[in-house]
Amino acid sequence: MFAATILTLFPSMFPGPLGQSLAGDALARGLWSLEARDIREHGLGRHRAVDDTPAGGGPGMVMRADVVAASLDAAAAPDDPRPRLVMSPRGRPFRQAQAREWAAGPGLLILCPRFEGIDERVIEARRLIEVSTGDYVLSGGETAAFAVLDACVRLIPGVMGKEESGAEESFEHGLLEYPHYTRPRDWEGRAIPDVLLGGDHAKIAAWRKAEAERITRERRPDLRRPGTPPD
């Protein structure tokens, strides 16, 4: 079973949105598990301090290596096979292919930093994988962790109603997804494309592929695979 462990200063944030919809239903059915652990339990002194001023000076505070390491060590044994992630804007970009790989594994341990980040030494010593969900900065890693887990959990067998629905989405084949339509047939002067109503599945498949390629070309040309000929 896919088991997720979150290390955070705000464990009450979880399961949050992961307790709703597909992820929440799968959680209730035991298709995956979620544990949120409070890093502050390993804080120092009467006030359970978890941070200190940055070496070399500068603004903000940095989460201490000894506190973060103690939290990690208490959450998972050294032989725990789950990837250990730390959410960070400087991390490797999170992609759909990575979500699919992790969804097929034993789960994830995700560290959610706050303040200016965490001491570099704990990243090195505990072999943490820095992961980014986009080119922006959040107040903490929790929101990014929600995104990573949602992307993974929905791919666990039995979570989605139709397993094939996960294979025709954006990014699955290096393309953004084609447009969708439903009733009414005409709406505010806009009609459903005729090809989708003709019942010719080969023509529908060709139209959807062409539309996916067009949208990808216009919006995300960086996704086009090497060797794809120019227009």
C-alpha atoms as a PDB file:
ATOM      1  CA  MET A   1       0.000   0.000   0.000  1.00  0.00           C
ATOM      2  CA  PHE A   2       1.152   3.528  -0.788  1.00  0.00           C
ATOM      3  CA  ALA A   3       2.075   5.137   2.547  1.00  0.00           C
ATOM      4  CA  ALA A   4       2.697   8.871   2.849  1.00  0.00           C
ATOM      5  CA  THR A   5       4.420  10.497   5.816  1.00  0.00           C
ATOM      6  CA  ILE A   6       4.507  14.294   6.086  1.00  0.00           C
ATOM      7  CA  LEU A   7       6.964  16.139   8.320  1.00  0.00           C
ATOM      8  CA  THR A   8       5.600  19.603   9.045  1.00  0.00           C
ATOM      9  CA  LEU A   9       5.271  22.323  11.660  1.00  0.00           C
ATOM     10  CA  PHE A  10       1.525  22.320  10.964  1.00  0.00           C
ATOM     11  CA  PRO A  11       0.261  18.722  11.088  1.00  0.00           C
ATOM     12  CA  SER A  12      -3.333  19.920  11.527  1.00  0.00           C
ATOM     13  CA  MET A  13      -3.236  21.043   7.872  1.00  0.00           C
ATOM     14  CA  PHE A  14      -3.499  17.374   6.867  1.00  0.00           C
ATOM     15  CA  PRO A  15      -5.300  15.602   5.335  1.00  0.00           C
ATOM     16  CA  GLY A  16      -6.914  18.874   4.250  1.00  0.00           C
ATOM     17  CA  PRO A  17      -7.911  18.613   0.576  1.00  0.00           C
ATOM     18  CA  LEU A  18      -6.491  15.083   0.495  1.00  0.00           C
ATOM     19  CA  GLY A  19      -9.373  14.045   2.712  1.00  0.00           C
ATOM     20  CA  GLN A  20     -11.899  14.980   0.016  1.00  0.00           C
ATOM     21  CA  SER A  21     -12.960  13.692  -3.405  1.00  0.00           C
ATOM     22  CA  LEU A  22     -10.965  10.859  -5.000  1.00  0.00           C
ATOM     23  CA  ALA A  23      -8.028  11.000  -2.581  1.00  0.00           C
ATOM     24  CA  GLY A  24     -10.281  11.162   0.460  1.00  0.00           C
ATOM     25  CA  ASP A  25     -12.441   8.284  -0.709  1.00  0.00           C
ATOM     26  CA  ALA A  26      -9.326   6.206  -1.414  1.00  0.00           C
ATOM     27  CA  LEU A  27      -7.965   7.093   2.017  1.00  0.00           C
ATOM     28  CA  ALA A  28     -11.199   5.934   3.663  1.00  0.00           C
ATOM     29  CA  ARG A  29     -11.082   2.694   1.655  1.00  0.00           C
ATOM     30  CA  GLY A  30      -7.535   1.974   2.744  1.00  0.00           C
ATOM     31  CA  LEU A  31      -5.977   2.264  -0.700  1.00  0.00           C
ATOM     32  CA  TRP A  32      -3.314   4.528   0.775  1.00  0.00           C
ATOM     33  CA  SER A  33      -2.361   5.917   4.180  1.00  0.00           C
ATOM     34  CA  LEU A  34      -1.342   9.347   5.429  1.00  0.00           C
ATOM     35  CA  GLU A  35       0.560  10.300   8.578  1.00  0.00           C
ATOM     36  CA  ALA A  36       1.432  13.890   9.494  1.00  0.00           C
ATOM     37  CA  ARG A  37       4.200  14.273  12.074  1.00  0.00           C
ATOM     38  CA  ASP A  38       5.043  17.459  13.961  1.00  0.00           C
ATOM     39  CA  ILE A  39       8.669  18.513  13.520  1.00  0.00           C
ATOM     40  CA  ARG A  40       8.374  20.639  16.654  1.00  0.00           C
ATOM     41  CA  GLU A  41       8.197  17.485  18.775  1.00  0.00           C
ATOM     42  CA  HIS A  42      11.954  17.358  18.238  1.00  0.00           C
ATOM     43  CA  GLY A  43      12.496  21.062  18.905  1.00  0.00           C
ATOM     44  CA  LEU A  44      14.982  22.314  21.472  1.00  0.00           C
ATOM     45  CA  GLY A  45      14.416  23.889  24.865  1.00  0.00           C
ATOM     46  CA  ARG A  46      11.306  25.037  26.606  1.00  0.00           C
ATOM     47  CA  HIS A  47       9.924  26.633  23.453  1.00  0.00           C
ATOM     48  CA  ARG A  48      10.700  23.670  21.181  1.00  0.00           C
ATOM     49  CA  ALA A  49      12.836  25.813  18.877  1.00  0.00           C
ATOM     50  CA  VAL A  50      13.318  24.408  15.379  1.00  0.00           C
ATOM     51  CA  ASP A  51      15.216  27.259  13.704  1.00  0.00           C
ATOM     52  CA  ASP A  52      18.145  29.624  14.147  1.00  0.00           C
ATOM     53  CA  THR A  53      19.795  32.578  12.421  1.00  0.00           C
ATOM     54  CA  PRO A  54      21.576  31.862   9.118  1.00  0.00           C
ATOM     55  CA  ALA A  55      25.329  31.367   9.205  1.00  0.00           C
ATOM     56  CA  GLY A  56      26.989  34.303   7.463  1.00  0.00           C
ATOM     57  CA  GLY A  57      24.103  36.615   8.277  1.00  0.00           C
ATOM     58  CA  GLY A  58      21.087  37.604   6.264  1.00  0.00           C
ATOM     59  CA  PRO A  59      17.328  37.849   6.721  1.00  0.00           C
ATOM     60  CA  GLY A  60      15.016  35.200   8.093  1.00  0.00           C
ATOM     61  CA  MET A  61      15.657  31.976   9.935  1.00  0.00           C
ATOM     62  CA  VAL A  62      16.847  28.503   8.910  1.00  0.00           C
ATOM     63  CA  MET A  63      15.533  25.183  10.182  1.00  0.00           C
ATOM     64  CA  ARG A  64      18.234  23.402  12.203  1.00  0.00           C
ATOM     65  CA  ALA A  65      19.913  20.264  10.868  1.00  0.00           C
ATOM     66  CA  ASP A  66      19.801  18.463  14.231  1.00  0.00           C
ATOM     67  CA  VAL A  67      16.064  19.076  14.690  1.00  0.00           C
ATOM     68  CA  VAL A  68      15.121  18.130  11.146  1.00  0.00           C
ATOM     69  CA  ALA A  69      17.334  15.032  11.204  1.00  0.00           C
ATOM     70  CA  ALA A  70      15.779  13.879  14.485  1.00  0.00           C
ATOM     71  CA  SER A  71      12.325  14.254  12.955  1.00  0.00           C
ATOM     72  CA  LEU A  72      13.336  12.293   9.853  1.00  0.00           C
ATOM     73  CA  ASP A  73      14.987   9.527  11.860  1.00  0.00           C
ATOM     74  CA  ALA A  74      11.945   9.124  14.087  1.00  0.00           C
ATOM     75  CA  ALA A  75       9.615   8.924  11.077  1.00  0.00           C
ATOM     76  CA  ALA A  76      11.408   6.250   9.061  1.00  0.00           C
ATOM     77  CA  ALA A  77      14.027   3.560   9.579  1.00  0.00           C
ATOM     78  CA  PRO A  78      17.242   3.759   7.542  1.00  0.00           C
ATOM     79  CA  ASP A  79      16.055   0.868   5.347  1.00  0.00           C
ATOM     80  CA  ASP A  80      12.675   2.467   4.602  1.00  0.00           C
ATOM     81  CA  PRO A  81      12.441   2.193   0.789  1.00  0.00           C
ATOM     82  CA  ARG A  82      10.290   5.280   0.296  1.00  0.00           C
ATOM     83  CA  PRO A  83      11.859   8.276  -1.481  1.00  0.00           C
ATOM     84  CA  ARG A  84      12.568  11.141   0.916  1.00  0.00           C
ATOM     85  CA  LEU A  85      11.481  14.448  -0.567  1.00  0.00           C
ATOM     86  CA  VAL A  86      11.949  18.012   0.570  1.00  0.00           C
ATOM     87  CA  MET A  87       9.751  20.572  -1.155  1.00  0.00           C
ATOM     88  CA  SER A  88      11.925  23.401  -2.454  1.00  0.00           C
ATOM     89  CA  PRO A  89      11.696  26.024  -5.249  1.00  0.00           C
ATOM     90  CA  ARG A  90      15.245  25.093  -6.244  1.00  0.00           C
ATOM     91  CA  GLY A  91      14.399  21.387  -6.606  1.00  0.00           C
ATOM     92  CA  ARG A  92      13.941  19.300  -9.716  1.00  0.00           C
ATOM     93  CA  PRO A  93      10.630  20.066 -11.482  1.00  0.00           C
ATOM     94  CA  PHE A  94       7.834  17.662 -10.565  1.00  0.00           C
ATOM     95  CA  ARG A  95       6.452  15.968 -13.664  1.00  0.00           C
ATOM     96  CA  GLN A  96       3.635  13.547 -14.500  1.00  0.00           C
ATOM     97  CA  ALA A  97       6.118  10.769 -15.284  1.00  0.00           C
ATOM     98  CA  GLN A  98       7.546  11.128 -11.783  1.00  0.00           C
ATOM     99  CA  ALA A  99       4.069  10.985 -10.269  1.00  0.00           C
ATOM    100  CA  ARG A 100       3.388   7.742 -12.110  1.00  0.00           C
ATOM    101  CA  GLU A 101       6.683   6.235 -10.949  1.00  0.00           C
ATOM    102  CA  TRP A 102       6.121   7.170  -7.316  1.00  0.00           C
ATOM    103  CA  ALA A 103       2.468   6.060  -7.390  1.00  0.00           C
ATOM    104  CA  ALA A 104       3.648   2.563  -8.280  1.00  0.00           C
ATOM    105  CA  GLY A 105       6.038   2.485  -5.319  1.00  0.00           C
ATOM    106  CA  PRO A 106       5.733   2.059  -1.546  1.00  0.00           C
ATOM    107  CA  GLY A 107       4.901   5.699  -0.865  1.00  0.00           C
ATOM    108  CA  LEU A 108       6.674   8.938   0.014  1.00  0.00           C
ATOM    109  CA  LEU A 109       8.199  10.705   2.997  1.00  0.00           C
ATOM    110  CA  ILE A 110       7.855  14.464   2.429  1.00  0.00           C
ATOM    111  CA  LEU A 111       9.554  17.184   4.457  1.00  0.00           C
ATOM    112  CA  CYS A 112       7.832  20.574   4.364  1.00  0.00           C
ATOM    113  CA  PRO A 113      10.264  23.393   5.186  1.00  0.00           C
ATOM    114  CA  ARG A 114       9.344  26.807   6.521  1.00  0.00           C
ATOM    115  CA  PHE A 115      11.243  30.080   6.980  1.00  0.00           C
ATOM    116  CA  GLU A 116      14.249  30.401   4.612  1.00  0.00           C
ATOM    117  CA  GLY A 117      14.581  26.626   4.287  1.00  0.00           C
ATOM    118  CA  ILE A 118      16.602  23.930   6.040  1.00  0.00           C
ATOM    119  CA  ASP A 119      20.284  23.482   6.830  1.00  0.00           C
ATOM    120  CA  GLU A 120      22.024  22.133   3.715  1.00  0.00           C
ATOM    121  CA  ARG A 121      23.837  19.485   5.728  1.00  0.00           C
ATOM    122  CA  VAL A 122      20.693  17.511   6.521  1.00  0.00           C
ATOM    123  CA  ILE A 123      19.779  17.440   2.819  1.00  0.00           C
ATOM    124  CA  GLU A 124      23.155  15.859   2.100  1.00  0.00           C
ATOM    125  CA  ALA A 125      23.337  13.567   5.138  1.00  0.00           C
ATOM    126  CA  ARG A 126      19.831  12.140   4.781  1.00  0.00           C
ATOM    127  CA  ARG A 127      19.934  12.063   0.960  1.00  0.00           C
ATOM    128  CA  LEU A 128      16.824  14.156   0.511  1.00  0.00           C
ATOM    129  CA  ILE A 129      15.456  14.741  -2.991  1.00  0.00           C
ATOM    130  CA  GLU A 130      14.618  18.390  -3.557  1.00  0.00           C
ATOM    131  CA  VAL A 131      11.400  18.743  -5.565  1.00  0.00           C
ATOM    132  CA  SER A 132       9.717  21.847  -6.968  1.00  0.00           C
ATOM    133  CA  THR A 133       6.136  22.181  -8.185  1.00  0.00           C
ATOM    134  CA  GLY A 134       6.803  25.404 -10.078  1.00  0.00           C
ATOM    135  CA  ASP A 135       8.786  28.581 -10.472  1.00  0.00           C
ATOM    136  CA  TYR A 136       7.360  30.449  -7.502  1.00  0.00           C
ATOM    137  CA  VAL A 137       7.875  30.679  -3.743  1.00  0.00           C
ATOM    138  CA  LEU A 138       5.307  29.503  -1.182  1.00  0.00           C
ATOM    139  CA  SER A 139       5.123  30.217   2.537  1.00  0.00           C
ATOM    140  CA  GLY A 140       5.937  26.578   3.229  1.00  0.00           C
ATOM    141  CA  GLY A 141       6.198  23.161   1.670  1.00  0.00           C
ATOM    142  CA  GLU A 142       2.761  21.940   2.705  1.00  0.00           C
ATOM    143  CA  THR A 143       0.854  23.327  -0.280  1.00  0.00           C
ATOM    144  CA  ALA A 144       3.376  21.802  -2.676  1.00  0.00           C
ATOM    145  CA  ALA A 145       3.154  18.482  -0.801  1.00  0.00           C
ATOM    146  CA  PHE A 146      -0.617  18.464  -1.363  1.00  0.00           C
ATOM    147  CA  ALA A 147      -0.034  18.779  -5.098  1.00  0.00           C
ATOM    148  CA  VAL A 148       2.559  15.994  -5.224  1.00  0.00           C
ATOM    149  CA  LEU A 149       0.447  13.586  -3.212  1.00  0.00           C
ATOM    150  CA  ASP A 150      -2.741  14.331  -5.125  1.00  0.00           C
ATOM    151  CA  ALA A 151      -0.957  13.698  -8.423  1.00  0.00           C
ATOM    152  CA  CYS A 152       0.375  10.372  -7.123  1.00  0.00           C
ATOM    153  CA  VAL A 153      -2.656   9.082  -5.232  1.00  0.00           C
ATOM    154  CA  ARG A 154      -5.062   9.463  -8.152  1.00  0.00           C
ATOM    155  CA  LEU A 155      -2.847   7.068 -10.138  1.00  0.00           C
ATOM    156  CA  ILE A 156      -3.005   4.287  -7.528  1.00  0.00           C
ATOM    157  CA  PRO A 157      -5.022   1.370  -8.962  1.00  0.00           C
ATOM    158  CA  GLY A 158      -8.639   1.535  -7.838  1.00  0.00           C
ATOM    159  CA  VAL A 159      -8.679   5.263  -7.040  1.00  0.00           C
ATOM    160  CA  MET A 160     -10.116   6.551 -10.330  1.00  0.00           C
ATOM    161  CA  GLY A 161     -13.394   5.165 -11.602  1.00  0.00           C
ATOM    162  CA  LYS A 162     -11.987   4.380 -15.045  1.00  0.00           C
ATOM    163  CA  GLU A 163      -8.353   3.334 -15.107  1.00  0.00           C
ATOM    164  CA  GLU A 164      -7.967   4.461 -18.711  1.00  0.00           C
ATOM    165  CA  SER A 165      -8.855   8.041 -17.765  1.00  0.00           C
ATOM    166  CA  GLY A 166      -5.352   8.484 -16.381  1.00  0.00           C
ATOM    167  CA  ALA A 167      -3.770   7.544 -19.704  1.00  0.00           C
ATOM    168  CA  GLU A 168      -5.380  10.285 -21.824  1.00  0.00           C
ATOM    169  CA  GLU A 169      -4.528  13.317 -19.731  1.00  0.00           C
ATOM    170  CA  SER A 170      -2.150  16.203 -20.171  1.00  0.00           C
ATOM    171  CA  PHE A 171       1.561  15.283 -20.076  1.00  0.00           C
ATOM    172  CA  GLU A 172       0.994  11.530 -20.436  1.00  0.00           C
ATOM    173  CA  HIS A 173       2.318  11.466 -24.012  1.00  0.00           C
ATOM    174  CA  GLY A 174       4.280  14.699 -24.118  1.00  0.00           C
ATOM    175  CA  LEU A 175       1.132  16.592 -25.059  1.00  0.00           C
ATOM    176  CA  LEU A 176      -1.476  18.730 -23.350  1.00  0.00           C
ATOM    177  CA  GLU A 177      -4.971  17.273 -23.334  1.00  0.00           C
ATOM    178  CA  TYR A 178      -7.460  17.828 -26.169  1.00  0.00           C
ATOM    179  CA  PRO A 179     -10.654  19.919 -25.550  1.00  0.00           C
ATOM    180  CA  HIS A 180     -13.742  18.347 -23.993  1.00  0.00           C
ATOM    181  CA  TYR A 181     -17.428  19.009 -24.728  1.00  0.00           C
ATOM    182  CA  THR A 182     -20.782  17.830 -23.399  1.00  0.00           C
ATOM    183  CA  ARG A 183     -24.460  18.837 -23.527  1.00  0.00           C
ATOM    184  CA  PRO A 184     -26.047  21.130 -24.555  1.00  0.00           C
ATOM    185  CA  ARG A 185     -25.082  20.721 -28.205  1.00  0.00           C
ATOM    186  CA  ASP A 186     -25.319  24.472 -28.799  1.00  0.00           C
ATOM    187  CA  TRP A 187     -24.497  26.977 -26.063  1.00  0.00           C
ATOM    188  CA  GLU A 188     -24.397  30.760 -26.467  1.00  0.00           C
ATOM    189  CA  GLY A 189     -23.861  30.399 -30.196  1.00  0.00           C
ATOM    190  CA  ARG A 190     -21.046  27.890 -29.808  1.00  0.00           C
ATOM    191  CA  ALA A 191     -21.566  24.349 -31.101  1.00  0.00           C
ATOM    192  CA  ILE A 192     -19.845  21.080 -30.329  1.00  0.00           C
ATOM    193  CA  PRO A 193     -17.500  20.230 -33.256  1.00  0.00           C
ATOM    194  CA  ASP A 194     -19.362  18.049 -35.745  1.00  0.00           C
ATOM    195  CA  VAL A 195     -16.633  15.410 -35.823  1.00  0.00           C
ATOM    196  CA  LEU A 196     -17.396  14.502 -32.191  1.00  0.00           C
ATOM    197  CA  LEU A 197     -21.042  13.820 -33.026  1.00  0.00           C
ATOM    198  CA  GLY A 198     -20.590  11.697 -36.153  1.00  0.00           C
ATOM    199  CA  GLY A 199     -19.807   8.405 -34.449  1.00  0.00           C
ATOM    200  CA  ASP A 200     -16.633   7.759 -36.483  1.00  0.00           C
ATOM    201  CA  HIS A 201     -14.166   6.779 -33.758  1.00  0.00           C
ATOM    202  CA  ALA A 202     -11.134   6.903 -36.060  1.00  0.00           C
ATOM    203  CA  LYS A 203     -11.943  10.480 -37.077  1.00  0.00           C
ATOM    204  CA  ILE A 204     -12.596  11.419 -33.444  1.00  0.00           C
ATOM    205  CA  ALA A 205      -9.240   9.979 -32.382  1.00  0.00           C
ATOM    206  CA  ALA A 206      -7.463  11.846 -35.201  1.00  0.00           C
ATOM    207  CA  TRP A 207      -9.199  15.125 -34.304  1.00  0.00           C
ATOM    208  CA  ARG A 208      -8.300  14.766 -30.629  1.00  0.00           C
ATOM    209  CA  LYS A 209      -4.656  14.047 -31.466  1.00  0.00           C
ATOM    210  CA  ALA A 210      -4.480  17.030 -33.793  1.00  0.00           C
ATOM    211  CA  GLU A 211      -6.069  19.303 -31.188  1.00  0.00           C
ATOM    212  CA  ALA A 212      -3.686  18.072 -28.474  1.00  0.00           C
ATOM    213  CA  GLU A 213      -0.743  18.799 -30.752  1.00  0.00           C
ATOM    214  CA  ARG A 214      -2.096  22.250 -31.630  1.00  0.00           C
ATOM    215  CA  ILE A 215      -2.674  23.250 -28.010  1.00  0.00           C
ATOM    216  CA  THR A 216       0.736  21.959 -26.951  1.00  0.00           C
ATOM    217  CA  ARG A 217       2.411  23.824 -29.811  1.00  0.00           C
ATOM    218  CA  GLU A 218       0.667  27.066 -28.852  1.00  0.00           C
ATOM    219  CA  ARG A 219       0.896  26.883 -25.060  1.00  0.00           C
ATOM    220  CA  ARG A 220       3.789  24.600 -24.128  1.00  0.00           C
ATOM    221  CA  PRO A 221       6.246  24.232 -27.009  1.00  0.00           C
ATOM    222  CA  ASP A 222       8.831  23.102 -24.448  1.00  0.00           C
ATOM    223  CA  LEU A 223       6.938  19.808 -24.143  1.00  0.00           C
ATOM    224  CA  ARG A 224       7.458  18.821 -27.755  1.00  0.00           C
ATOM    225  CA  ARG A 225       9.564  15.710 -27.948  1.00  0.00           C
ATOM    226  CA  PRO A 226      13.025  15.708 -29.546  1.00  0.00           C
ATOM    227  CA  GLY A 227      12.796  14.839 -33.209  1.00  0.00           C
ATOM    228  CA  THR A 228       9.311  16.294 -33.642  1.00  0.00           C
ATOM    229  CA  PRO A 229       9.362  18.066 -37.007  1.00  0.00           C
ATOM    230  CA  PRO A 230       8.565  21.803 -37.058  1.00  0.00           C
ATOM    231  CA  ASP A 231       5.315  23.016 -38.582  1.00  0.00           C
END
